[in-house]
C-alpha atoms as a PDB file:
ATOM      1  CA  MET A   1       0.083   0.318   0.016  1.00  0.00           C
ATOM      2  CA  ASN A   2       1.215   3.489  -0.700  1.00  0.00           C
ATOM      3  CA  ASN A   3       1.529   6.127   2.162  1.00  0.00           C
ATOM      4  CA  ARG A   4      -0.446   9.313   0.717  1.00  0.00           C
ATOM      5  CA  ILE A   5      -2.252  10.686   3.453  1.00  0.00           C
ATOM      6  CA  VAL A   6      -4.445  14.240   4.595  1.00  0.00           C
ATOM      7  CA  VAL A   7      -3.854  14.865   7.895  1.00  0.00           C
ATOM      8  CA  CYS A   8      -6.553  16.758  10.280  1.00  0.00           C
ATOM      9  CA  ALA A   9      -4.435  18.042  13.323  1.00  0.00           C
ATOM     10  CA  TYR A  10      -4.171  20.504  16.022  1.00  0.00           C
ATOM     11  CA  HIS A  11      -2.488  20.876  19.564  1.00  0.00           C
ATOM     12  CA  ASN A  12       0.487  19.356  20.560  1.00  0.00           C
ATOM     13  CA  VAL A  13      -0.673  16.075  19.767  1.00  0.00           C
ATOM     14  CA  GLY A  14      -1.117  17.221  16.282  1.00  0.00           C
ATOM     15  CA  TYR A  15       2.225  18.557  15.728  1.00  0.00           C
ATOM     16  CA  ALA A  16       3.944  15.969  17.360  1.00  0.00           C
ATOM     17  CA  CYS A  17       2.283  13.177  15.566  1.00  0.00           C
ATOM     18  CA  LEU A  18       2.614  15.180  12.343  1.00  0.00           C
ATOM     19  CA  GLU A  19       6.118  15.692  12.932  1.00  0.00           C
ATOM     20  CA  GLU A  20       6.663  11.903  13.543  1.00  0.00           C
ATOM     21  CA  LEU A  21       5.066  10.948  10.287  1.00  0.00           C
ATOM     22  CA  LEU A  22       7.226  13.278   8.263  1.00  0.00           C
ATOM     23  CA  LEU A  23      10.516  11.816  10.099  1.00  0.00           C
ATOM     24  CA  GLN A  24       9.126   8.628   8.651  1.00  0.00           C
ATOM     25  CA  ASN A  25       8.984  10.263   4.916  1.00  0.00           C
ATOM     26  CA  ALA A  26       5.197  10.137   4.727  1.00  0.00           C
ATOM     27  CA  ASP A  27       3.576  11.293   1.968  1.00  0.00           C
ATOM     28  CA  VAL A  28       1.401  14.229   3.639  1.00  0.00           C
ATOM     29  CA  ALA A  29      -0.716  15.944   0.453  1.00  0.00           C
ATOM     30  CA  LEU A  30      -2.606  18.401   2.601  1.00  0.00           C
ATOM     31  CA  VAL A  31      -3.144  19.282   6.419  1.00  0.00           C
ATOM     32  CA  PHE A  32      -6.331  20.506   7.701  1.00  0.00           C
ATOM     33  CA  THR A  33      -6.119  22.376  11.137  1.00  0.00           C
ATOM     34  CA  HIS A  34      -7.831  25.104  12.960  1.00  0.00           C
ATOM     35  CA  GLU A  35      -7.434  29.196  13.371  1.00  0.00           C
ATOM     36  CA  ASP A  36      -6.362  29.784  17.031  1.00  0.00           C
ATOM     37  CA  SER A  37      -9.166  31.115  19.249  1.00  0.00           C
ATOM     38  CA  LEU A  38      -8.766  34.612  20.724  1.00  0.00           C
ATOM     39  CA  ASN A  39     -10.882  33.467  23.557  1.00  0.00           C
ATOM     40  CA  GLU A  40      -8.307  30.279  24.066  1.00  0.00           C
ATOM     41  CA  GLU A  41      -4.991  30.606  25.864  1.00  0.00           C
ATOM     42  CA  ILE A  42      -2.755  29.195  23.195  1.00  0.00           C
ATOM     43  CA  TRP A  43       0.126  27.358  24.758  1.00  0.00           C
ATOM     44  CA  PHE A  44       0.559  24.595  22.373  1.00  0.00           C
ATOM     45  CA  LYS A  45       2.597  24.245  19.189  1.00  0.00           C
ATOM     46  CA  SER A  46       1.282  25.232  15.628  1.00  0.00           C
ATOM     47  CA  VAL A  47       0.479  22.463  13.400  1.00  0.00           C
ATOM     48  CA  ARG A  48       0.132  25.317  10.767  1.00  0.00           C
ATOM     49  CA  GLU A  49       3.607  26.179  11.115  1.00  0.00           C
ATOM     50  CA  LEU A  50       5.038  23.133  11.089  1.00  0.00           C
ATOM     51  CA  ALA A  51       3.090  22.112   7.788  1.00  0.00           C
ATOM     52  CA  GLU A  52       4.259  25.227   6.143  1.00  0.00           C
ATOM     53  CA  LYS A  53       7.654  24.805   6.981  1.00  0.00           C
ATOM     54  CA  HIS A  54       7.613  21.409   5.011  1.00  0.00           C
ATOM     55  CA  GLY A  55       5.969  23.046   2.084  1.00  0.00           C
ATOM     56  CA  ILE A  56       2.515  21.033   2.801  1.00  0.00           C
ATOM     57  CA  PRO A  57      -0.540  22.771   1.470  1.00  0.00           C
ATOM     58  CA  VAL A  58      -2.459  24.074   4.930  1.00  0.00           C
ATOM     59  CA  CYS A  59      -6.809  24.437   5.057  1.00  0.00           C
ATOM     60  CA  THR A  60      -8.178  26.083   8.272  1.00  0.00           C
ATOM     61  CA  SER A  61     -11.849  25.748   7.202  1.00  0.00           C
ATOM     62  CA  SER A  62     -13.391  22.220   7.941  1.00  0.00           C
ATOM     63  CA  ILE A  63     -12.545  19.386   6.172  1.00  0.00           C
ATOM     64  CA  ASN A  64     -16.339  18.389   5.775  1.00  0.00           C
ATOM     65  CA  GLU A  65     -16.986  21.582   3.295  1.00  0.00           C
ATOM     66  CA  PRO A  66     -17.956  20.710  -0.089  1.00  0.00           C
ATOM     67  CA  GLU A  67     -14.801  22.211  -1.760  1.00  0.00           C
ATOM     68  CA  ASN A  68     -12.718  20.695   0.653  1.00  0.00           C
ATOM     69  CA  ARG A  69     -14.179  17.178   0.616  1.00  0.00           C
ATOM     70  CA  ASP A  70     -13.814  17.602  -3.403  1.00  0.00           C
ATOM     71  CA  SER A  71      -9.922  18.592  -2.963  1.00  0.00           C
ATOM     72  CA  VAL A  72      -9.397  15.254  -0.699  1.00  0.00           C
ATOM     73  CA  ALA A  73     -11.445  13.064  -3.416  1.00  0.00           C
ATOM     74  CA  ARG A  74      -8.785  14.793  -6.205  1.00  0.00           C
ATOM     75  CA  ILE A  75      -5.973  13.547  -3.601  1.00  0.00           C
ATOM     76  CA  ALA A  76      -7.592  10.104  -3.415  1.00  0.00           C
ATOM     77  CA  PRO A  77      -5.531   9.536   0.026  1.00  0.00           C
ATOM     78  CA  ASP A  78      -4.789   6.124   1.115  1.00  0.00           C
ATOM     79  CA  PHE A  79      -5.521   7.447   4.455  1.00  0.00           C
ATOM     80  CA  ILE A  80      -6.841  10.121   6.659  1.00  0.00           C
ATOM     81  CA  LEU A  81      -5.189  10.570  10.115  1.00  0.00           C
ATOM     82  CA  SER A  82      -6.813  12.928  12.768  1.00  0.00           C
ATOM     83  CA  PHE A  83      -4.565  13.889  15.567  1.00  0.00           C
ATOM     84  CA  TYR A  84      -6.659  16.195  18.196  1.00  0.00           C
ATOM     85  CA  TYR A  85      -8.834  17.683  15.436  1.00  0.00           C
ATOM     86  CA  ARG A  86     -11.715  19.382  16.830  1.00  0.00           C
ATOM     87  CA  ASN A  87     -14.434  18.439  14.065  1.00  0.00           C
ATOM     88  CA  MET A  88     -16.133  15.243  13.745  1.00  0.00           C
ATOM     89  CA  ILE A  89     -15.395  14.143  10.274  1.00  0.00           C
ATOM     90  CA  ASP A  90     -18.397  13.230   7.693  1.00  0.00           C
ATOM     91  CA  VAL A  91     -18.765   9.440   6.910  1.00  0.00           C
ATOM     92  CA  GLY A  92     -18.609  10.665   3.354  1.00  0.00           C
ATOM     93  CA  VAL A  93     -15.059  12.136   3.995  1.00  0.00           C
ATOM     94  CA  LEU A  94     -13.882   8.795   5.807  1.00  0.00           C
ATOM     95  CA  GLY A  95     -15.060   7.050   3.080  1.00  0.00           C
ATOM     96  CA  LEU A  96     -12.253   8.912   0.783  1.00  0.00           C
ATOM     97  CA  ALA A  97      -9.549   7.122   2.190  1.00  0.00           C
ATOM     98  CA  SER A  98      -8.777   3.617   0.136  1.00  0.00           C
ATOM     99  CA  GLY A  99      -6.861   2.258   3.253  1.00  0.00           C
ATOM    100  CA  GLY A 100      -9.172   3.865   6.009  1.00  0.00           C
ATOM    101  CA  ALA A 101      -9.500   6.944   8.404  1.00  0.00           C
ATOM    102  CA  LEU A 102      -7.838   6.794  11.700  1.00  0.00           C
ATOM    103  CA  ASN A 103      -8.010   8.955  15.004  1.00  0.00           C
ATOM    104  CA  LEU A 104      -5.593   9.482  17.688  1.00  0.00           C
ATOM    105  CA  HIS A 105      -7.796   9.735  20.842  1.00  0.00           C
ATOM    106  CA  GLY A 106      -6.264  11.045  24.344  1.00  0.00           C
ATOM    107  CA  SER A 107      -7.704   8.177  26.204  1.00  0.00           C
ATOM    108  CA  PHE A 108      -7.254   4.134  26.524  1.00  0.00           C
ATOM    109  CA  LEU A 109     -10.337   3.234  25.091  1.00  0.00           C
ATOM    110  CA  PRO A 110     -13.021   2.187  25.319  1.00  0.00           C
ATOM    111  CA  LYS A 111     -12.752   4.381  28.505  1.00  0.00           C
ATOM    112  CA  TYR A 112     -13.334   8.294  28.310  1.00  0.00           C
ATOM    113  CA  ARG A 113     -14.677   8.564  24.537  1.00  0.00           C
ATOM    114  CA  GLY A 114     -15.755  12.033  23.700  1.00  0.00           C
ATOM    115  CA  ARG A 115     -14.299  15.265  24.407  1.00  0.00           C
ATOM    116  CA  VAL A 116     -11.779  16.359  26.523  1.00  0.00           C
ATOM    117  CA  PRO A 117     -10.669  12.792  28.255  1.00  0.00           C
ATOM    118  CA  VAL A 118      -7.796  14.110  29.749  1.00  0.00           C
ATOM    119  CA  ASN A 119      -9.294  16.734  32.057  1.00  0.00           C
ATOM    120  CA  TRP A 120     -12.233  14.299  32.696  1.00  0.00           C
ATOM    121  CA  ALA A 121      -9.491  11.524  33.628  1.00  0.00           C
ATOM    122  CA  VAL A 122      -7.924  13.886  36.334  1.00  0.00           C
ATOM    123  CA  ILE A 123     -11.128  15.183  37.713  1.00  0.00           C
ATOM    124  CA  ASN A 124     -12.221  11.837  38.374  1.00  0.00           C
ATOM    125  CA  GLY A 125      -9.270  10.562  40.324  1.00  0.00           C
ATOM    126  CA  GLU A 126      -7.693   8.090  37.776  1.00  0.00           C
ATOM    127  CA  THR A 127      -4.479   6.593  38.133  1.00  0.00           C
ATOM    128  CA  GLU A 128      -3.916   6.054  34.800  1.00  0.00           C
ATOM    129  CA  THR A 129      -5.028   6.964  31.340  1.00  0.00           C
ATOM    130  CA  GLY A 130      -3.625   6.343  27.695  1.00  0.00           C
ATOM    131  CA  ALA A 131      -3.574   7.091  23.816  1.00  0.00           C
ATOM    132  CA  THR A 132      -5.189   5.123  21.644  1.00  0.00           C
ATOM    133  CA  LEU A 133      -5.439   4.893  17.598  1.00  0.00           C
ATOM    134  CA  HIS A 134      -8.320   3.723  16.038  1.00  0.00           C
ATOM    135  CA  TYR A 135     -10.162   3.684  12.856  1.00  0.00           C
ATOM    136  CA  MET A 136     -12.993   6.013  12.681  1.00  0.00           C
ATOM    137  CA  THR A 137     -16.682   5.070  12.207  1.00  0.00           C
ATOM    138  CA  ALA A 138     -19.983   7.252  12.341  1.00  0.00           C
ATOM    139  CA  LYS A 139     -19.987   6.755  16.246  1.00  0.00           C
ATOM    140  CA  PRO A 140     -17.587   9.078  17.798  1.00  0.00           C
ATOM    141  CA  ASP A 141     -14.526   7.022  19.395  1.00  0.00           C
ATOM    142  CA  ALA A 142     -16.023   3.728  18.452  1.00  0.00           C
ATOM    143  CA  GLY A 143     -13.858   2.069  15.528  1.00  0.00           C
ATOM    144  CA  ASP A 144     -11.487  -0.723  15.632  1.00  0.00           C
ATOM    145  CA  ILE A 145      -8.076  -0.313  17.811  1.00  0.00           C
ATOM    146  CA  VAL A 146      -4.631  -0.486  16.148  1.00  0.00           C
ATOM    147  CA  ASP A 147      -2.580   0.401  19.278  1.00  0.00           C
ATOM    148  CA  GLN A 148      -2.756   1.569  22.592  1.00  0.00           C
ATOM    149  CA  GLU A 149      -0.078   2.800  25.358  1.00  0.00           C
ATOM    150  CA  LYS A 150      -1.286   3.887  29.069  1.00  0.00           C
ATOM    151  CA  VAL A 151       0.222   6.764  30.816  1.00  0.00           C
ATOM    152  CA  PRO A 152       0.119   7.089  34.528  1.00  0.00           C
ATOM    153  CA  ILE A 153      -1.593   9.731  36.623  1.00  0.00           C
ATOM    154  CA  ALA A 154       0.142  10.867  39.702  1.00  0.00           C
ATOM    155  CA  VAL A 155      -1.708  12.578  42.446  1.00  0.00           C
ATOM    156  CA  THR A 156      -0.135  15.368  41.857  1.00  0.00           C
ATOM    157  CA  ASP A 157      -0.226  15.254  38.349  1.00  0.00           C
ATOM    158  CA  THR A 158      -2.212  18.193  36.882  1.00  0.00           C
ATOM    159  CA  ALA A 159      -4.381  17.684  33.367  1.00  0.00           C
ATOM    160  CA  PHE A 160      -1.241  19.621  31.538  1.00  0.00           C
ATOM    161  CA  ASP A 161       1.129  17.149  33.091  1.00  0.00           C
ATOM    162  CA  VAL A 162      -0.936  14.184  32.290  1.00  0.00           C
ATOM    163  CA  PHE A 163      -1.175  15.720  28.607  1.00  0.00           C
ATOM    164  CA  THR A 164       2.461  16.072  28.172  1.00  0.00           C
ATOM    165  CA  SER A 165       3.094  12.559  28.930  1.00  0.00           C
ATOM    166  CA  LEU A 166       0.042  11.722  26.500  1.00  0.00           C
ATOM    167  CA  THR A 167       1.628  13.455  23.659  1.00  0.00           C
ATOM    168  CA  GLY A 168       4.593  11.405  24.078  1.00  0.00           C
ATOM    169  CA  ALA A 169       2.810   8.171  24.135  1.00  0.00           C
ATOM    170  CA  ALA A 170       0.886   9.272  20.886  1.00  0.00           C
ATOM    171  CA  THR A 171       4.077   9.913  19.075  1.00  0.00           C
ATOM    172  CA  ALA A 172       5.391   6.458  19.884  1.00  0.00           C
ATOM    173  CA  ILE A 173       2.071   5.095  18.962  1.00  0.00           C
ATOM    174  CA  ILE A 174       2.346   6.783  15.579  1.00  0.00           C
ATOM    175  CA  ARG A 175       6.284   5.712  15.075  1.00  0.00           C
ATOM    176  CA  ARG A 176       5.595   1.979  16.093  1.00  0.00           C
ATOM    177  CA  SER A 177       2.201   1.772  13.500  1.00  0.00           C
ATOM    178  CA  TRP A 178       2.513   3.807  10.787  1.00  0.00           C
ATOM    179  CA  PRO A 179       5.006   1.297   8.914  1.00  0.00           C
ATOM    180  CA  ARG A 180       2.274  -1.164   9.889  1.00  0.00           C
ATOM    181  CA  LEU A 181      -0.493   0.481   8.218  1.00  0.00           C
ATOM    182  CA  VAL A 182       1.648   1.371   5.000  1.00  0.00           C
ATOM    183  CA  ALA A 183       2.444  -2.613   5.027  1.00  0.00           C
ATOM    184  CA  GLY A 184      -1.080  -3.306   5.623  1.00  0.00           C
ATOM    185  CA  THR A 185       0.118  -5.528   8.781  1.00  0.00           C
ATOM    186  CA  ALA A 186      -1.714  -3.454  11.184  1.00  0.00           C
ATOM    187  CA  PRO A 187      -3.970  -5.212  13.861  1.00  0.00           C
ATOM    188  CA  ARG A 188      -7.857  -4.340  14.127  1.00  0.00           C
ATOM    189  CA  ILE A 189      -9.233  -4.893  17.464  1.00  0.00           C
ATOM    190  CA  PRO A 190     -13.016  -4.524  17.722  1.00  0.00           C
ATOM    191  CA  MET A 191     -13.803  -2.037  20.339  1.00  0.00           C
ATOM    192  CA  ASP A 192     -15.961  -3.170  23.319  1.00  0.00           C
ATOM    193  CA  LEU A 193     -18.207  -0.248  24.052  1.00  0.00           C
ATOM    194  CA  GLY A 194     -19.759  -1.994  26.783  1.00  0.00           C
ATOM    195  CA  GLN A 195     -16.677  -1.465  28.835  1.00  0.00           C
ATOM    196  CA  GLY A 196     -16.512   2.104  28.176  1.00  0.00           C
ATOM    197  CA  SER A 197     -17.770   5.580  29.140  1.00  0.00           C
ATOM    198  CA  TYR A 198     -18.583   8.618  27.249  1.00  0.00           C
ATOM    199  CA  TYR A 199     -17.817  12.123  28.584  1.00  0.00           C
ATOM    200  CA  GLY A 200     -19.088  15.778  26.891  1.00  0.00           C
ATOM    201  CA  GLY A 201     -17.318  18.754  26.513  1.00  0.00           C
ATOM    202  CA  ARG A 202     -16.382  20.887  29.275  1.00  0.00           C
ATOM    203  CA  THR A 203     -17.240  24.805  29.694  1.00  0.00           C
ATOM    204  CA  PRO A 204     -15.199  27.234  31.967  1.00  0.00           C
ATOM    205  CA  ALA A 205     -18.827  27.402  33.501  1.00  0.00           C
ATOM    206  CA  ASP A 206     -18.203  23.509  34.855  1.00  0.00           C
ATOM    207  CA  GLY A 207     -15.409  24.700  36.897  1.00  0.00           C
ATOM    208  CA  LEU A 208     -17.510  25.987  39.800  1.00  0.00           C
ATOM    209  CA  ILE A 209     -16.297  24.541  42.878  1.00  0.00           C
ATOM    210  CA  ASP A 210     -19.229  22.500  44.891  1.00  0.00           C
ATOM    211  CA  TRP A 211     -18.031  22.709  48.713  1.00  0.00           C
ATOM    212  CA  SER A 212     -20.274  20.187  49.443  1.00  0.00           C
ATOM    213  CA  LYS A 213     -18.254  17.648  47.489  1.00  0.00           C
ATOM    214  CA  SER A 214     -15.272  16.067  48.998  1.00  0.00           C
ATOM    215  CA  ALA A 215     -11.751  17.629  49.418  1.00  0.00           C
ATOM    216  CA  VAL A 216     -10.793  15.077  47.469  1.00  0.00           C
ATOM    217  CA  GLN A 217     -13.124  15.763  44.562  1.00  0.00           C
ATOM    218  CA  ILE A 218     -12.741  19.259  44.939  1.00  0.00           C
ATOM    219  CA  TYR A 219      -8.683  18.875  44.524  1.00  0.00           C
ATOM    220  CA  ASN A 220      -8.858  16.408  41.369  1.00  0.00           C
ATOM    221  CA  LEU A 221     -11.436  19.293  39.925  1.00  0.00           C
ATOM    222  CA  VAL A 222      -8.641  22.048  40.803  1.00  0.00           C
ATOM    223  CA  ARG A 223      -5.700  19.980  39.022  1.00  0.00           C
ATOM    224  CA  GLY A 224      -8.044  18.883  36.353  1.00  0.00           C
ATOM    225  CA  VAL A 225      -8.654  22.401  34.957  1.00  0.00           C
ATOM    226  CA  THR A 226      -5.872  24.228  36.458  1.00  0.00           C
ATOM    227  CA  HIS A 227      -3.708  26.360  34.161  1.00  0.00           C
ATOM    228  CA  PRO A 228      -3.373  26.603  31.213  1.00  0.00           C
ATOM    229  CA  TYR A 229      -7.014  25.912  31.118  1.00  0.00           C
ATOM    230  CA  PRO A 230      -9.783  28.102  32.712  1.00  0.00           C
ATOM    231  CA  GLY A 231      -9.550  27.383  36.088  1.00  0.00           C
ATOM    232  CA  ALA A 232     -11.768  26.116  39.664  1.00  0.00           C
ATOM    233  CA  PHE A 233     -13.494  29.079  41.106  1.00  0.00           C
ATOM    234  CA  THR A 234     -15.655  29.632  43.921  1.00  0.00           C
ATOM    235  CA  ARG A 235     -17.736  33.079  45.262  1.00  0.00           C
ATOM    236  CA  LEU A 236     -16.533  34.953  47.927  1.00  0.00           C
ATOM    237  CA  GLY A 237     -19.651  37.669  48.398  1.00  0.00           C
ATOM    238  CA  ASP A 238     -19.968  39.411  44.619  1.00  0.00           C
ATOM    239  CA  ALA A 239     -15.996  38.395  43.968  1.00  0.00           C
ATOM    240  CA  THR A 240     -15.324  34.997  42.171  1.00  0.00           C
ATOM    241  CA  VAL A 241     -12.166  33.431  43.382  1.00  0.00           C
ATOM    242  CA  THR A 242     -10.142  31.175  41.175  1.00  0.00           C
ATOM    243  CA  VAL A 243      -8.254  28.229  42.857  1.00  0.00           C
ATOM    244  CA  TRP A 244      -5.313  27.497  40.757  1.00  0.00           C
ATOM    245  CA  GLY A 245      -3.615  25.234  43.671  1.00  0.00           C
ATOM    246  CA  ALA A 246      -4.849  23.300  46.563  1.00  0.00           C
ATOM    247  CA  TRP A 247      -4.635  20.355  48.599  1.00  0.00           C
ATOM    248  CA  PRO A 248      -6.834  18.000  50.662  1.00  0.00           C
ATOM    249  CA  VAL A 249      -6.068  17.674  54.608  1.00  0.00           C
ATOM    250  CA  VAL A 250      -8.043  15.812  57.489  1.00  0.00           C
ATOM    251  CA  GLY A 251     -10.279  17.330  59.199  1.00  0.00           C
ATOM    252  CA  THR A 252     -14.227  18.351  59.503  1.00  0.00           C
ATOM    253  CA  ALA A 253     -15.779  21.851  58.552  1.00  0.00           C
ATOM    254  CA  GLU A 254     -18.957  23.379  57.411  1.00  0.00           C
ATOM    255  CA  PRO A 255     -18.558  23.125  53.361  1.00  0.00           C
ATOM    256  CA  GLY A 256     -17.145  26.334  52.168  1.00  0.00           C
ATOM    257  CA  ARG A 257     -16.215  27.897  55.564  1.00  0.00           C
ATOM    258  CA  VAL A 258     -12.976  29.203  56.330  1.00  0.00           C
ATOM    259  CA  VAL A 259     -11.319  27.785  59.409  1.00  0.00           C
ATOM    260  CA  SER A 260      -7.744  29.035  59.171  1.00  0.00           C
ATOM    261  CA  ARG A 261      -5.864  31.756  57.058  1.00  0.00           C
ATOM    262  CA  GLU A 262      -2.284  30.804  57.335  1.00  0.00           C
ATOM    263  CA  PRO A 263      -2.557  28.101  55.576  1.00  0.00           C
ATOM    264  CA  LEU A 264      -5.773  29.218  54.057  1.00  0.00           C
ATOM    265  CA  VAL A 265      -7.861  25.817  54.921  1.00  0.00           C
ATOM    266  CA  VAL A 266     -11.777  25.363  54.150  1.00  0.00           C
ATOM    267  CA  GLY A 267     -14.378  22.896  54.813  1.00  0.00           C
ATOM    268  CA  THR A 268     -16.209  20.730  52.791  1.00  0.00           C
ATOM    269  CA  GLY A 269     -18.306  17.444  52.574  1.00  0.00           C
ATOM    270  CA  ASP A 270     -15.783  15.468  53.843  1.00  0.00           C
ATOM    271  CA  GLY A 271     -12.324  16.668  54.858  1.00  0.00           C
ATOM    272  CA  LEU A 272     -10.342  19.826  54.525  1.00  0.00           C
ATOM    273  CA  LEU A 273      -8.864  21.625  51.707  1.00  0.00           C
ATOM    274  CA  GLU A 274      -6.049  23.809  51.870  1.00  0.00           C
ATOM    275  CA  LEU A 275      -5.985  26.788  49.230  1.00  0.00           C
ATOM    276  CA  ARG A 276      -2.602  27.397  47.857  1.00  0.00           C
ATOM    277  CA  MET A 277      -2.858  29.595  44.812  1.00  0.00           C
ATOM    278  CA  VAL A 278      -5.782  31.820  44.187  1.00  0.00           C
ATOM    279  CA  GLN A 279      -6.583  34.872  41.696  1.00  0.00           C
ATOM    280  CA  VAL A 280      -9.408  37.192  42.451  1.00  0.00           C
ATOM    281  CA  GLY A 281     -11.240  38.432  39.286  1.00  0.00           C
ATOM    282  CA  GLY A 282      -8.893  39.691  36.834  1.00  0.00           C
ATOM    283  CA  MET A 283      -6.354  40.877  39.396  1.00  0.00           C
ATOM    284  CA  ALA A 284      -3.351  39.054  39.568  1.00  0.00           C
ATOM    285  CA  GLU A 285      -2.616  35.551  41.151  1.00  0.00           C
ATOM    286  CA  GLU A 286      -1.454  35.390  44.419  1.00  0.00           C
ATOM    287  CA  SER A 287      -0.476  32.862  47.292  1.00  0.00           C
ATOM    288  CA  ALA A 288      -3.662  32.109  49.673  1.00  0.00           C
ATOM    289  CA  VAL A 289      -1.841  33.464  52.274  1.00  0.00           C
ATOM    290  CA  GLN A 290      -1.645  37.046  50.936  1.00  0.00           C
ATOM    291  CA  PHE A 291      -5.249  36.644  49.585  1.00  0.00           C
ATOM    292  CA  ALA A 292      -6.243  35.975  53.098  1.00  0.00           C
ATOM    293  CA  ALA A 293      -4.213  38.994  54.302  1.00  0.00           C
ATOM    294  CA  ARG A 294      -6.186  41.210  51.838  1.00  0.00           C
ATOM    295  CA  TYR A 295      -9.774  40.069  52.645  1.00  0.00           C
ATOM    296  CA  PRO A 296      -9.795  39.525  56.777  1.00  0.00           C
ATOM    297  CA  ALA A 297     -13.193  39.404  56.801  1.00  0.00           C
ATOM    298  CA  ALA A 298     -13.554  36.465  54.561  1.00  0.00           C
ATOM    299  CA  GLU A 299     -15.107  33.684  56.194  1.00  0.00           C
ATOM    300  CA  GLN A 300     -17.762  31.671  53.684  1.00  0.00           C
ATOM    301  CA  PHE A 301     -16.830  30.554  50.066  1.00  0.00           C
ATOM    302  CA  THR A 302     -20.140  29.526  48.208  1.00  0.00           C
END
């Protein structure tokens, strides 16, 4: 089989996987990616810049647009490969690749199918996740598996830490799998969706802290959405306080009640949470001790 491909990619995983394909001399005929959003913190590498550096045509409109579908049909790719591309690719487009269309998903499928799997895994307190290369079908994250690699999650890891590890796992998968795909020897392992789970996307509003939950659950939320993500937040009167760093500790207090100022410790539904780094509204981020000194009357977060 030949190795002419169309790549749909974004973010660090997209950059790393495209880079690995180029190292393996894959014939990348066209790259689809996204324009960076003005409402998003852009901390990751540019797929567009990498493609342009190698003289590969780049398109930032959806691969599903009729004119783009026609372009893909003219290329007649052996494969369509998707690496953290944010658009669902229409079945009609998937069928344009003679060897199949494959996606690199950021979880150990079938667990955490759907959106933002790394953040969800951290928020849910998982101790491991992974990356999976699988064939794309009409149902998202449901096609046959080609290769997988697990990634451990330490109790101190943030979603950013896990995403960094996952990028390495994704690169390793492409390094192993691309030669097998070209040779026609890559496995196809049916996915057992009954053993999996599906999660939807998250919005900044989903970061609101529910102090009736346990200290561990709130801590997992904080580390799951801390920098470079929008952050977990709470209310202090009319002010919004974003919690960028925290740690669960033993103890009992009314949920949301401040029980100590140095360190700044707050009651939860089960245990206490020490706040370490916070930010009030659009002010500068600061240590929780500095915050407590500036707000001596703060007694209850809601």
